[in-house]
PDB file of N, CA and C in Angstrom:
ATOM      1  N   UNK A   1      20.088   3.836 -15.416  1.00  0.00           N
ATOM      2  CA  UNK A   1      19.888   3.927 -16.856  1.00  0.00           C
ATOM      3  C   UNK A   1      18.638   3.128 -17.234  1.00  0.00           C
ATOM      4  N   UNK A   2      17.828   3.688 -18.100  1.00  0.00           N
ATOM      5  CA  UNK A   2      16.651   2.977 -18.595  1.00  0.00           C
ATOM      6  C   UNK A   2      17.059   1.995 -19.690  1.00  0.00           C
ATOM      7  N   UNK A   3      16.242   0.963 -19.872  1.00  0.00           N
ATOM      8  CA  UNK A   3      16.498  -0.036 -20.906  1.00  0.00           C
ATOM      9  C   UNK A   3      16.550   0.609 -22.284  1.00  0.00           C
ATOM     10  N   UNK A   4      15.652   1.535 -22.554  1.00  0.00           N
ATOM     11  CA  UNK A   4      15.645   2.216 -23.864  1.00  0.00           C
ATOM     12  C   UNK A   4      16.965   2.937 -24.103  1.00  0.00           C
ATOM     13  N   UNK A   5      17.510   3.574 -23.079  1.00  0.00           N
ATOM     14  CA  UNK A   5      18.779   4.286 -23.208  1.00  0.00           C
ATOM     15  C   UNK A   5      19.925   3.320 -23.479  1.00  0.00           C
ATOM     16  N   UNK A   6      19.922   2.178 -22.792  1.00  0.00           N
ATOM     17  CA  UNK A   6      20.977   1.175 -22.989  1.00  0.00           C
ATOM     18  C   UNK A   6      20.944   0.623 -24.414  1.00  0.00           C
ATOM     19  N   UNK A   7      19.742   0.339 -24.923  1.00  0.00           N
ATOM     20  CA  UNK A   7      19.619  -0.158 -26.300  1.00  0.00           C
ATOM     21  C   UNK A   7      20.086   0.909 -27.284  1.00  0.00           C
ATOM     22  N   UNK A   8      19.655   2.140 -27.072  1.00  0.00           N
ATOM     23  CA  UNK A   8      20.027   3.234 -27.973  1.00  0.00           C
ATOM     24  C   UNK A   8      21.549   3.440 -27.990  1.00  0.00           C
ATOM     25  N   UNK A   9      22.172   3.411 -26.824  1.00  0.00           N
ATOM     26  CA  UNK A   9      23.634   3.577 -26.753  1.00  0.00           C
ATOM     27  C   UNK A   9      24.348   2.383 -27.383  1.00  0.00           C
ATOM     28  N   UNK A  10      23.860   1.188 -27.132  1.00  0.00           N
ATOM     29  CA  UNK A  10      24.466  -0.009 -27.708  1.00  0.00           C
ATOM     30  C   UNK A  10      24.330  -0.064 -29.214  1.00  0.00           C
ATOM     31  N   UNK A  11      23.240   0.478 -29.732  1.00  0.00           N
ATOM     32  CA  UNK A  11      23.020   0.493 -31.185  1.00  0.00           C
ATOM     33  C   UNK A  11      24.059   1.348 -31.904  1.00  0.00           C
ATOM     34  N   UNK A  12      24.671   2.272 -31.204  1.00  0.00           N
ATOM     35  CA  UNK A  12      25.703   3.127 -31.796  1.00  0.00           C
ATOM     36  C   UNK A  12      27.042   2.404 -31.942  1.00  0.00           C
ATOM     37  N   UNK A  13      27.190   1.282 -31.235  1.00  0.00           N
ATOM     38  CA  UNK A  13      28.491   0.624 -31.155  1.00  0.00           C
ATOM     39  C   UNK A  13      28.795  -0.324 -32.308  1.00  0.00           C
ATOM     40  N   UNK A  14      27.753  -0.954 -32.862  1.00  0.00           N
ATOM     41  CA  UNK A  14      27.963  -1.919 -33.953  1.00  0.00           C
ATOM     42  C   UNK A  14      26.638  -2.171 -34.673  1.00  0.00           C
ATOM     43  N   UNK A  15      26.665  -2.811 -35.840  1.00  0.00           N
ATOM     44  CA  UNK A  15      25.434  -3.068 -36.595  1.00  0.00           C
ATOM     45  C   UNK A  15      24.483  -4.024 -35.875  1.00  0.00           C
ATOM     46  N   UNK A  16      23.264  -4.063 -36.385  1.00  0.00           N
ATOM     47  CA  UNK A  16      22.225  -4.936 -35.827  1.00  0.00           C
ATOM     48  C   UNK A  16      22.326  -6.333 -36.420  1.00  0.00           C
ATOM     49  N   UNK A  17      22.047  -7.323 -35.584  1.00  0.00           N
ATOM     50  CA  UNK A  17      21.933  -8.698 -36.068  1.00  0.00           C
ATOM     51  C   UNK A  17      20.568  -9.248 -35.677  1.00  0.00           C
ATOM     52  N   UNK A  18      20.227 -10.375 -36.254  1.00  0.00           N
ATOM     53  CA  UNK A  18      18.928 -10.995 -36.040  1.00  0.00           C
ATOM     54  C   UNK A  18      19.123 -12.468 -35.699  1.00  0.00           C
ATOM     55  N   UNK A  19      18.281 -12.974 -34.805  1.00  0.00           N
ATOM     56  CA  UNK A  19      18.306 -14.399 -34.481  1.00  0.00           C
ATOM     57  C   UNK A  19      19.307 -14.798 -33.419  1.00  0.00           C
ATOM     58  N   UNK A  20      20.080 -13.862 -32.909  1.00  0.00           N
ATOM     59  CA  UNK A  20      21.043 -14.141 -31.840  1.00  0.00           C
ATOM     60  C   UNK A  20      21.390 -12.831 -31.155  1.00  0.00           C
ATOM     61  N   UNK A  21      21.882 -12.927 -29.934  1.00  0.00           N
ATOM     62  CA  UNK A  21      22.270 -11.727 -29.196  1.00  0.00           C
ATOM     63  C   UNK A  21      23.472 -11.039 -29.816  1.00  0.00           C
ATOM     64  N   UNK A  22      24.458 -11.862 -30.213  1.00  0.00           N
ATOM     65  CA  UNK A  22      25.713 -11.344 -30.746  1.00  0.00           C
ATOM     66  C   UNK A  22      26.086 -12.132 -31.993  1.00  0.00           C
ATOM     67  N   UNK A  23      26.459 -11.457 -33.049  1.00  0.00           N
ATOM     68  CA  UNK A  23      26.970 -12.112 -34.257  1.00  0.00           C
ATOM     69  C   UNK A  23      28.487 -12.066 -34.201  1.00  0.00           C
ATOM     70  N   UNK A  24      29.110 -13.238 -34.338  1.00  0.00           N
ATOM     71  CA  UNK A  24      30.565 -13.363 -34.210  1.00  0.00           C
ATOM     72  C   UNK A  24      31.168 -13.755 -35.550  1.00  0.00           C
ATOM     73  N   UNK A  25      32.228 -13.061 -35.941  1.00  0.00           N
ATOM     74  CA  UNK A  25      33.026 -13.402 -37.117  1.00  0.00           C
ATOM     75  C   UNK A  25      34.487 -13.299 -36.717  1.00  0.00           C
ATOM     76  N   UNK A  26      35.264 -14.316 -37.064  1.00  0.00           N
ATOM     77  CA  UNK A  26      36.692 -14.309 -36.737  1.00  0.00           C
ATOM     78  C   UNK A  26      36.950 -14.032 -35.252  1.00  0.00           C
ATOM     79  N   UNK A  27      36.150 -14.668 -34.400  1.00  0.00           N
ATOM     80  CA  UNK A  27      36.291 -14.568 -32.947  1.00  0.00           C
ATOM     81  C   UNK A  27      36.097 -13.157 -32.399  1.00  0.00           C
ATOM     82  N   UNK A  28      35.378 -12.326 -33.140  1.00  0.00           N
ATOM     83  CA  UNK A  28      35.062 -10.980 -32.684  1.00  0.00           C
ATOM     84  C   UNK A  28      33.570 -10.738 -32.831  1.00  0.00           C
ATOM     85  N   UNK A  29      32.996 -10.060 -31.859  1.00  0.00           N
ATOM     86  CA  UNK A  29      31.583  -9.690 -31.936  1.00  0.00           C
ATOM     87  C   UNK A  29      31.464  -8.549 -32.935  1.00  0.00           C
ATOM     88  N   UNK A  30      30.697  -8.801 -33.991  1.00  0.00           N
ATOM     89  CA  UNK A  30      30.541  -7.835 -35.068  1.00  0.00           C
ATOM     90  C   UNK A  30      29.218  -7.071 -35.004  1.00  0.00           C
ATOM     91  N   UNK A  31      28.185  -7.696 -34.415  1.00  0.00           N
ATOM     92  CA  UNK A  31      26.856  -7.087 -34.407  1.00  0.00           C
ATOM     93  C   UNK A  31      26.090  -7.558 -33.176  1.00  0.00           C
ATOM     94  N   UNK A  32      25.047  -6.801 -32.814  1.00  0.00           N
ATOM     95  CA  UNK A  32      24.199  -7.145 -31.677  1.00  0.00           C
ATOM     96  C   UNK A  32      22.729  -6.964 -32.042  1.00  0.00           C
ATOM     97  N   UNK A  33      21.873  -7.744 -31.388  1.00  0.00           N
ATOM     98  CA  UNK A  33      20.435  -7.490 -31.483  1.00  0.00           C
ATOM     99  C   UNK A  33      20.104  -6.412 -30.457  1.00  0.00           C
ATOM    100  N   UNK A  34      18.844  -6.104 -30.261  1.00  0.00           N
ATOM    101  CA  UNK A  34      18.452  -5.058 -29.312  1.00  0.00           C
ATOM    102  C   UNK A  34      18.868  -5.420 -27.888  1.00  0.00           C
ATOM    103  N   UNK A  35      18.608  -6.652 -27.468  1.00  0.00           N
ATOM    104  CA  UNK A  35      18.995  -7.059 -26.115  1.00  0.00           C
ATOM    105  C   UNK A  35      20.514  -7.141 -26.007  1.00  0.00           C
ATOM    106  N   UNK A  36      21.177  -7.618 -27.047  1.00  0.00           N
ATOM    107  CA  UNK A  36      22.633  -7.661 -27.054  1.00  0.00           C
ATOM    108  C   UNK A  36      23.248  -6.276 -26.935  1.00  0.00           C
ATOM    109  N   UNK A  37      22.624  -5.297 -27.581  1.00  0.00           N
ATOM    110  CA  UNK A  37      23.100  -3.910 -27.493  1.00  0.00           C
ATOM    111  C   UNK A  37      23.002  -3.410 -26.047  1.00  0.00           C
ATOM    112  N   UNK A  38      21.875  -3.681 -25.404  1.00  0.00           N
ATOM    113  CA  UNK A  38      21.713  -3.291 -23.995  1.00  0.00           C
ATOM    114  C   UNK A  38      22.712  -4.036 -23.123  1.00  0.00           C
ATOM    115  N   UNK A  39      22.878  -5.322 -23.392  1.00  0.00           N
ATOM    116  CA  UNK A  39      23.818  -6.135 -22.627  1.00  0.00           C
ATOM    117  C   UNK A  39      25.219  -5.538 -22.709  1.00  0.00           C
ATOM    118  N   UNK A  40      25.650  -5.179 -23.917  1.00  0.00           N
ATOM    119  CA  UNK A  40      26.997  -4.631 -24.084  1.00  0.00           C
ATOM    120  C   UNK A  40      27.184  -3.359 -23.265  1.00  0.00           C
ATOM    121  N   UNK A  41      26.208  -2.482 -23.259  1.00  0.00           N
ATOM    122  CA  UNK A  41      26.307  -1.229 -22.513  1.00  0.00           C
ATOM    123  C   UNK A  41      26.277  -1.486 -21.005  1.00  0.00           C
ATOM    124  N   UNK A  42      25.411  -2.390 -20.569  1.00  0.00           N
ATOM    125  CA  UNK A  42      25.221  -2.613 -19.134  1.00  0.00           C
ATOM    126  C   UNK A  42      26.208  -3.598 -18.518  1.00  0.00           C
ATOM    127  N   UNK A  43      26.666  -4.573 -19.310  1.00  0.00           N
ATOM    128  CA  UNK A  43      27.500  -5.645 -18.765  1.00  0.00           C
ATOM    129  C   UNK A  43      28.871  -5.736 -19.432  1.00  0.00           C
ATOM    130  N   UNK A  44      29.059  -5.084 -20.561  1.00  0.00           N
ATOM    131  CA  UNK A  44      30.273  -5.256 -21.344  1.00  0.00           C
ATOM    132  C   UNK A  44      30.119  -6.423 -22.300  1.00  0.00           C
ATOM    133  N   UNK A  45      31.063  -6.596 -23.172  1.00  0.00           N
ATOM    134  CA  UNK A  45      30.992  -7.701 -24.133  1.00  0.00           C
ATOM    135  C   UNK A  45      31.317  -9.028 -23.453  1.00  0.00           C
ATOM    136  N   UNK A  46      30.598 -10.084 -23.821  1.00  0.00           N
ATOM    137  CA  UNK A  46      30.941 -11.399 -23.274  1.00  0.00           C
ATOM    138  C   UNK A  46      32.212 -11.932 -23.933  1.00  0.00           C
ATOM    139  N   UNK A  47      32.795 -12.952 -23.325  1.00  0.00           N
ATOM    140  CA  UNK A  47      33.982 -13.580 -23.900  1.00  0.00           C
ATOM    141  C   UNK A  47      33.584 -14.497 -25.051  1.00  0.00           C
ATOM    142  N   UNK A  48      34.534 -14.777 -25.924  1.00  0.00           N
ATOM    143  CA  UNK A  48      34.349 -15.686 -27.051  1.00  0.00           C
ATOM    144  C   UNK A  48      35.244 -16.898 -26.796  1.00  0.00           C
ATOM    145  N   UNK A  49      34.700 -18.113 -26.971  1.00  0.00           N
ATOM    146  CA  UNK A  49      35.514 -19.312 -26.738  1.00  0.00           C
ATOM    147  C   UNK A  49      36.397 -19.630 -27.949  1.00  0.00           C
ATOM    148  N   UNK A  50      37.182 -20.690 -27.865  1.00  0.00           N
ATOM    149  CA  UNK A  50      38.132 -21.029 -28.929  1.00  0.00           C
ATOM    150  C   UNK A  50      37.440 -21.435 -30.229  1.00  0.00           C
ATOM    151  N   UNK A  51      36.152 -21.774 -30.167  1.00  0.00           N
ATOM    152  CA  UNK A  51      35.393 -22.138 -31.365  1.00  0.00           C
ATOM    153  C   UNK A  51      34.637 -20.951 -31.948  1.00  0.00           C
ATOM    154  N   UNK A  52      34.798 -19.793 -31.343  1.00  0.00           N
ATOM    155  CA  UNK A  52      34.129 -18.597 -31.837  1.00  0.00           C
ATOM    156  C   UNK A  52      32.713 -18.439 -31.327  1.00  0.00           C
ATOM    157  N   UNK A  53      32.374 -19.145 -30.248  1.00  0.00           N
ATOM    158  CA  UNK A  53      31.036 -19.043 -29.658  1.00  0.00           C
ATOM    159  C   UNK A  53      31.050 -18.073 -28.488  1.00  0.00           C
ATOM    160  N   UNK A  54      29.960 -17.355 -28.325  1.00  0.00           N
ATOM    161  CA  UNK A  54      29.824 -16.415 -27.221  1.00  0.00           C
ATOM    162  C   UNK A  54      29.644 -17.202 -25.923  1.00  0.00           C
ATOM    163  N   UNK A  55      30.435 -16.852 -24.925  1.00  0.00           N
ATOM    164  CA  UNK A  55      30.324 -17.465 -23.608  1.00  0.00           C
ATOM    165  C   UNK A  55      29.456 -16.577 -22.732  1.00  0.00           C
ATOM    166  N   UNK A  56      28.219 -17.005 -22.574  1.00  0.00           N
ATOM    167  CA  UNK A  56      27.269 -16.225 -21.783  1.00  0.00           C
ATOM    168  C   UNK A  56      26.383 -17.226 -21.048  1.00  0.00           C
ATOM    169  N   UNK A  57      26.190 -17.025 -19.784  1.00  0.00           N
ATOM    170  CA  UNK A  57      25.406 -17.978 -19.003  1.00  0.00           C
ATOM    171  C   UNK A  57      23.918 -17.791 -19.267  1.00  0.00           C
ATOM    172  N   UNK A  58      23.160 -18.795 -18.896  1.00  0.00           N
ATOM    173  CA  UNK A  58      21.709 -18.704 -19.046  1.00  0.00           C
ATOM    174  C   UNK A  58      21.130 -17.647 -18.111  1.00  0.00           C
ATOM    175  N   UNK A  59      21.934 -17.132 -17.225  1.00  0.00           N
ATOM    176  CA  UNK A  59      21.495 -16.115 -16.270  1.00  0.00           C
ATOM    177  C   UNK A  59      21.802 -14.688 -16.740  1.00  0.00           C
ATOM    178  N   UNK A  60      22.164 -14.531 -18.021  1.00  0.00           N
ATOM    179  CA  UNK A  60      22.601 -13.217 -18.486  1.00  0.00           C
ATOM    180  C   UNK A  60      21.544 -12.139 -18.309  1.00  0.00           C
ATOM    181  N   UNK A  61      20.281 -12.502 -18.379  1.00  0.00           N
ATOM    182  CA  UNK A  61      19.228 -11.489 -18.208  1.00  0.00           C
ATOM    183  C   UNK A  61      19.207 -10.921 -16.805  1.00  0.00           C
ATOM    184  N   UNK A  62      19.670 -11.711 -15.839  1.00  0.00           N
ATOM    185  CA  UNK A  62      19.664 -11.211 -14.468  1.00  0.00           C
ATOM    186  C   UNK A  62      20.530  -9.971 -14.319  1.00  0.00           C
ATOM    187  N   UNK A  63      21.657  -9.942 -15.013  1.00  0.00           N
ATOM    188  CA  UNK A  63      22.523  -8.763 -14.953  1.00  0.00           C
ATOM    189  C   UNK A  63      21.841  -7.532 -15.507  1.00  0.00           C
ATOM    190  N   UNK A  64      21.127  -7.713 -16.616  1.00  0.00           N
ATOM    191  CA  UNK A  64      20.385  -6.588 -17.193  1.00  0.00           C
ATOM    192  C   UNK A  64      19.232  -6.209 -16.274  1.00  0.00           C
ATOM    193  N   UNK A  65      18.494  -7.216 -15.809  1.00  0.00           N
ATOM    194  CA  UNK A  65      17.332  -6.965 -14.971  1.00  0.00           C
ATOM    195  C   UNK A  65      17.716  -6.250 -13.681  1.00  0.00           C
ATOM    196  N   UNK A  66      18.868  -6.594 -13.110  1.00  0.00           N
ATOM    197  CA  UNK A  66      19.320  -5.920 -11.897  1.00  0.00           C
ATOM    198  C   UNK A  66      19.563  -4.439 -12.137  1.00  0.00           C
ATOM    199  N   UNK A  67      19.993  -4.096 -13.337  1.00  0.00           N
ATOM    200  CA  UNK A  67      20.322  -2.705 -13.631  1.00  0.00           C
ATOM    201  C   UNK A  67      19.130  -1.882 -14.116  1.00  0.00           C
ATOM    202  N   UNK A  68      18.192  -2.513 -14.840  1.00  0.00           N
ATOM    203  CA  UNK A  68      17.049  -1.758 -15.355  1.00  0.00           C
ATOM    204  C   UNK A  68      15.730  -2.206 -14.744  1.00  0.00           C
ATOM    205  N   UNK A  69      15.692  -3.401 -14.151  1.00  0.00           N
ATOM    206  CA  UNK A  69      14.556  -3.852 -13.377  1.00  0.00           C
ATOM    207  C   UNK A  69      13.272  -4.163 -14.118  1.00  0.00           C
ATOM    208  N   UNK A  70      13.307  -4.372 -15.452  1.00  0.00           N
ATOM    209  CA  UNK A  70      12.048  -4.569 -16.171  1.00  0.00           C
ATOM    210  C   UNK A  70      12.066  -5.705 -17.179  1.00  0.00           C
ATOM    211  N   UNK A  71      13.187  -6.278 -17.499  1.00  0.00           N
ATOM    212  CA  UNK A  71      13.303  -7.165 -18.658  1.00  0.00           C
ATOM    213  C   UNK A  71      12.396  -8.400 -18.573  1.00  0.00           C
ATOM    214  N   UNK A  72      12.081  -8.879 -17.368  1.00  0.00           N
ATOM    215  CA  UNK A  72      11.220 -10.050 -17.243  1.00  0.00           C
ATOM    216  C   UNK A  72       9.771  -9.683 -16.926  1.00  0.00           C
ATOM    217  N   UNK A  73       9.436  -8.416 -16.985  1.00  0.00           N
ATOM    218  CA  UNK A  73       8.070  -7.964 -16.728  1.00  0.00           C
ATOM    219  C   UNK A  73       7.167  -8.281 -17.918  1.00  0.00           C
ATOM    220  N   UNK A  74       5.935  -8.710 -17.651  1.00  0.00           N
ATOM    221  CA  UNK A  74       4.962  -8.961 -18.711  1.00  0.00           C
ATOM    222  C   UNK A  74       4.554  -7.662 -19.388  1.00  0.00           C
ATOM    223  N   UNK A  75       4.327  -7.734 -20.696  1.00  0.00           N
ATOM    224  CA  UNK A  75       4.030  -6.522 -21.474  1.00  0.00           C
ATOM    225  C   UNK A  75       3.168  -6.895 -22.676  1.00  0.00           C
ATOM    226  N   UNK A  76       2.396  -5.963 -23.189  1.00  0.00           N
ATOM    227  CA  UNK A  76       1.606  -6.188 -24.396  1.00  0.00           C
ATOM    228  C   UNK A  76       2.477  -5.965 -25.624  1.00  0.00           C
ATOM    229  N   UNK A  77       2.464  -6.938 -26.500  1.00  0.00           N
ATOM    230  CA  UNK A  77       3.254  -6.880 -27.738  1.00  0.00           C
ATOM    231  C   UNK A  77       2.652  -5.818 -28.657  1.00  0.00           C
ATOM    232  N   UNK A  78       3.444  -4.832 -29.125  1.00  0.00           N
ATOM    233  CA  UNK A  78       2.876  -3.751 -29.930  1.00  0.00           C
ATOM    234  C   UNK A  78       2.422  -4.172 -31.322  1.00  0.00           C
ATOM    235  N   UNK A  79       2.870  -5.306 -31.815  1.00  0.00           N
ATOM    236  CA  UNK A  79       2.455  -5.776 -33.140  1.00  0.00           C
ATOM    237  C   UNK A  79       1.276  -6.741 -33.065  1.00  0.00           C
ATOM    238  N   UNK A  80       1.253  -7.599 -32.051  1.00  0.00           N
ATOM    239  CA  UNK A  80       0.231  -8.651 -31.984  1.00  0.00           C
ATOM    240  C   UNK A  80      -0.874  -8.372 -30.976  1.00  0.00           C
ATOM    241  N   UNK A  81      -0.603  -7.497 -30.005  1.00  0.00           N
ATOM    242  CA  UNK A  81      -1.570  -7.230 -28.951  1.00  0.00           C
ATOM    243  C   UNK A  81      -1.562  -8.270 -27.852  1.00  0.00           C
ATOM    244  N   UNK A  82      -0.725  -9.300 -27.973  1.00  0.00           N
ATOM    245  CA  UNK A  82      -0.631 -10.343 -26.954  1.00  0.00           C
ATOM    246  C   UNK A  82       0.003  -9.752 -25.700  1.00  0.00           C
ATOM    247  N   UNK A  83      -0.586 -10.014 -24.559  1.00  0.00           N
ATOM    248  CA  UNK A  83      -0.079  -9.472 -23.306  1.00  0.00           C
ATOM    249  C   UNK A  83       0.542 -10.493 -22.400  1.00  0.00           C
ATOM    250  N   UNK A  84       0.882 -11.660 -22.921  1.00  0.00           N
ATOM    251  CA  UNK A  84       1.370 -12.743 -22.058  1.00  0.00           C
ATOM    252  C   UNK A  84       2.886 -12.871 -22.043  1.00  0.00           C
ATOM    253  N   UNK A  85       3.581 -12.257 -22.968  1.00  0.00           N
ATOM    254  CA  UNK A  85       5.029 -12.406 -23.040  1.00  0.00           C
ATOM    255  C   UNK A  85       5.730 -11.442 -22.094  1.00  0.00           C
ATOM    256  N   UNK A  86       6.930 -11.851 -21.652  1.00  0.00           N
ATOM    257  CA  UNK A  86       7.717 -10.901 -20.878  1.00  0.00           C
ATOM    258  C   UNK A  86       8.406  -9.942 -21.835  1.00  0.00           C
ATOM    259  N   UNK A  87       8.903  -8.864 -21.293  1.00  0.00           N
ATOM    260  CA  UNK A  87       9.474  -7.800 -22.108  1.00  0.00           C
ATOM    261  C   UNK A  87      10.623  -8.309 -22.964  1.00  0.00           C
ATOM    262  N   UNK A  88      11.448  -9.187 -22.416  1.00  0.00           N
ATOM    263  CA  UNK A  88      12.552  -9.756 -23.192  1.00  0.00           C
ATOM    264  C   UNK A  88      12.033 -10.435 -24.456  1.00  0.00           C
ATOM    265  N   UNK A  89      10.999 -11.264 -24.331  1.00  0.00           N
ATOM    266  CA  UNK A  89      10.447 -11.975 -25.497  1.00  0.00           C
ATOM    267  C   UNK A  89       9.864 -11.014 -26.522  1.00  0.00           C
ATOM    268  N   UNK A  90       9.231  -9.951 -26.059  1.00  0.00           N
ATOM    269  CA  UNK A  90       8.667  -8.963 -26.978  1.00  0.00           C
ATOM    270  C   UNK A  90       9.787  -8.249 -27.733  1.00  0.00           C
ATOM    271  N   UNK A  91      10.831  -7.839 -27.023  1.00  0.00           N
ATOM    272  CA  UNK A  91      11.959  -7.171 -27.686  1.00  0.00           C
ATOM    273  C   UNK A  91      12.599  -8.112 -28.697  1.00  0.00           C
ATOM    274  N   UNK A  92      12.791  -9.356 -28.304  1.00  0.00           N
ATOM    275  CA  UNK A  92      13.366 -10.364 -29.210  1.00  0.00           C
ATOM    276  C   UNK A  92      12.506 -10.522 -30.460  1.00  0.00           C
ATOM    277  N   UNK A  93      11.184 -10.575 -30.288  1.00  0.00           N
ATOM    278  CA  UNK A  93      10.262 -10.707 -31.415  1.00  0.00           C
ATOM    279  C   UNK A  93      10.315  -9.493 -32.333  1.00  0.00           C
ATOM    280  N   UNK A  94      10.324  -8.301 -31.747  1.00  0.00           N
ATOM    281  CA  UNK A  94      10.383  -7.080 -32.558  1.00  0.00           C
ATOM    282  C   UNK A  94      11.675  -7.021 -33.353  1.00  0.00           C
ATOM    283  N   UNK A  95      12.775  -7.439 -32.741  1.00  0.00           N
ATOM    284  CA  UNK A  95      14.070  -7.441 -33.417  1.00  0.00           C
ATOM    285  C   UNK A  95      14.120  -8.513 -34.508  1.00  0.00           C
ATOM    286  N   UNK A  96      13.778  -9.740 -34.161  1.00  0.00           N
ATOM    287  CA  UNK A  96      13.995 -10.871 -35.064  1.00  0.00           C
ATOM    288  C   UNK A  96      12.857 -11.114 -36.054  1.00  0.00           C
ATOM    289  N   UNK A  97      11.630 -11.038 -35.596  1.00  0.00           N
ATOM    290  CA  UNK A  97      10.484 -11.372 -36.448  1.00  0.00           C
ATOM    291  C   UNK A  97       9.932 -10.175 -37.219  1.00  0.00           C
ATOM    292  N   UNK A  98       9.905  -9.024 -36.570  1.00  0.00           N
ATOM    293  CA  UNK A  98       9.327  -7.840 -37.200  1.00  0.00           C
ATOM    294  C   UNK A  98      10.393  -6.897 -37.758  1.00  0.00           C
ATOM    295  N   UNK A  99      11.654  -7.221 -37.484  1.00  0.00           N
ATOM    296  CA  UNK A  99      12.799  -6.475 -38.007  1.00  0.00           C
ATOM    297  C   UNK A  99      12.756  -4.986 -37.674  1.00  0.00           C
ATOM    298  N   UNK A 100      12.244  -4.676 -36.469  1.00  0.00           N
ATOM    299  CA  UNK A 100      12.308  -3.293 -36.016  1.00  0.00           C
ATOM    300  C   UNK A 100      13.776  -2.947 -35.794  1.00  0.00           C
ATOM    301  N   UNK A 101      14.164  -1.736 -36.085  1.00  0.00           N
ATOM    302  CA  UNK A 101      15.518  -1.286 -35.758  1.00  0.00           C
ATOM    303  C   UNK A 101      15.633  -1.189 -34.235  1.00  0.00           C
ATOM    304  N   UNK A 102      16.849  -1.255 -33.759  1.00  0.00           N
ATOM    305  CA  UNK A 102      17.060  -1.113 -32.317  1.00  0.00           C
ATOM    306  C   UNK A 102      16.629   0.276 -31.851  1.00  0.00           C
ATOM    307  N   UNK A 103      16.803   1.286 -32.680  1.00  0.00           N
ATOM    308  CA  UNK A 103      16.373   2.634 -32.334  1.00  0.00           C
ATOM    309  C   UNK A 103      14.842   2.700 -32.217  1.00  0.00           C
ATOM    310  N   UNK A 104      14.133   2.013 -33.107  1.00  0.00           N
ATOM    311  CA  UNK A 104      12.671   1.988 -33.026  1.00  0.00           C
ATOM    312  C   UNK A 104      12.217   1.264 -31.760  1.00  0.00           C
ATOM    313  N   UNK A 105      12.891   0.170 -31.445  1.00  0.00           N
ATOM    314  CA  UNK A 105      12.568  -0.557 -30.214  1.00  0.00           C
ATOM    315  C   UNK A 105      12.822   0.351 -29.012  1.00  0.00           C
ATOM    316  N   UNK A 106      13.943   1.057 -29.004  1.00  0.00           N
ATOM    317  CA  UNK A 106      14.263   1.982 -27.910  1.00  0.00           C
ATOM    318  C   UNK A 106      13.219   3.088 -27.811  1.00  0.00           C
ATOM    319  N   UNK A 107      12.777   3.620 -28.941  1.00  0.00           N
ATOM    320  CA  UNK A 107      11.744   4.664 -28.933  1.00  0.00           C
ATOM    321  C   UNK A 107      10.446   4.138 -28.337  1.00  0.00           C
ATOM    322  N   UNK A 108      10.033   2.923 -28.731  1.00  0.00           N
ATOM    323  CA  UNK A 108       8.823   2.317 -28.185  1.00  0.00           C
ATOM    324  C   UNK A 108       8.956   2.122 -26.675  1.00  0.00           C
ATOM    325  N   UNK A 109      10.102   1.598 -26.244  1.00  0.00           N
ATOM    326  CA  UNK A 109      10.322   1.394 -24.803  1.00  0.00           C
ATOM    327  C   UNK A 109      10.265   2.715 -24.057  1.00  0.00           C
ATOM    328  N   UNK A 110      10.839   3.755 -24.622  1.00  0.00           N
ATOM    329  CA  UNK A 110      10.813   5.077 -23.995  1.00  0.00           C
ATOM    330  C   UNK A 110       9.377   5.602 -23.879  1.00  0.00           C
ATOM    331  N   UNK A 111       8.593   5.379 -24.924  1.00  0.00           N
ATOM    332  CA  UNK A 111       7.192   5.823 -24.919  1.00  0.00           C
ATOM    333  C   UNK A 111       6.387   5.166 -23.800  1.00  0.00           C
ATOM    334  N   UNK A 112       6.718   3.915 -23.459  1.00  0.00           N
ATOM    335  CA  UNK A 112       5.967   3.207 -22.409  1.00  0.00           C
ATOM    336  C   UNK A 112       6.689   3.259 -21.063  1.00  0.00           C
ATOM    337  N   UNK A 113       7.720   4.098 -20.976  1.00  0.00           N
ATOM    338  CA  UNK A 113       8.355   4.353 -19.697  1.00  0.00           C
ATOM    339  C   UNK A 113       9.542   3.503 -19.322  1.00  0.00           C
ATOM    340  N   UNK A 114      10.075   2.764 -20.290  1.00  0.00           N
ATOM    341  CA  UNK A 114      11.238   1.914 -19.993  1.00  0.00           C
ATOM    342  C   UNK A 114      12.453   2.423 -20.711  1.00  0.00           C
TER     343      UNK A 114
END
């Protein structure tokens, strides 16, 4: 599965959130960012602890990267033209800073072959 496909499928499951991978209310994941949407499709939902926090290791990208093989690859940012960030950082920026929809992010990724 391509990263764009995982994001597109994950976007169908719940609303978009900004500033975090998963938005939690009442100990349930209510929304996902673009990477969170891909994570849900590729890895399933993470567990929630007793305080309502998402339990996800700092290695969570490895699971996505193993399945799509591109998340840590360097890429040119479509808004800034900067080519030094890895794909994860660019997706995070498009989601959180530029407020691109997850579908728009998926379309852009598809256009560049991911």
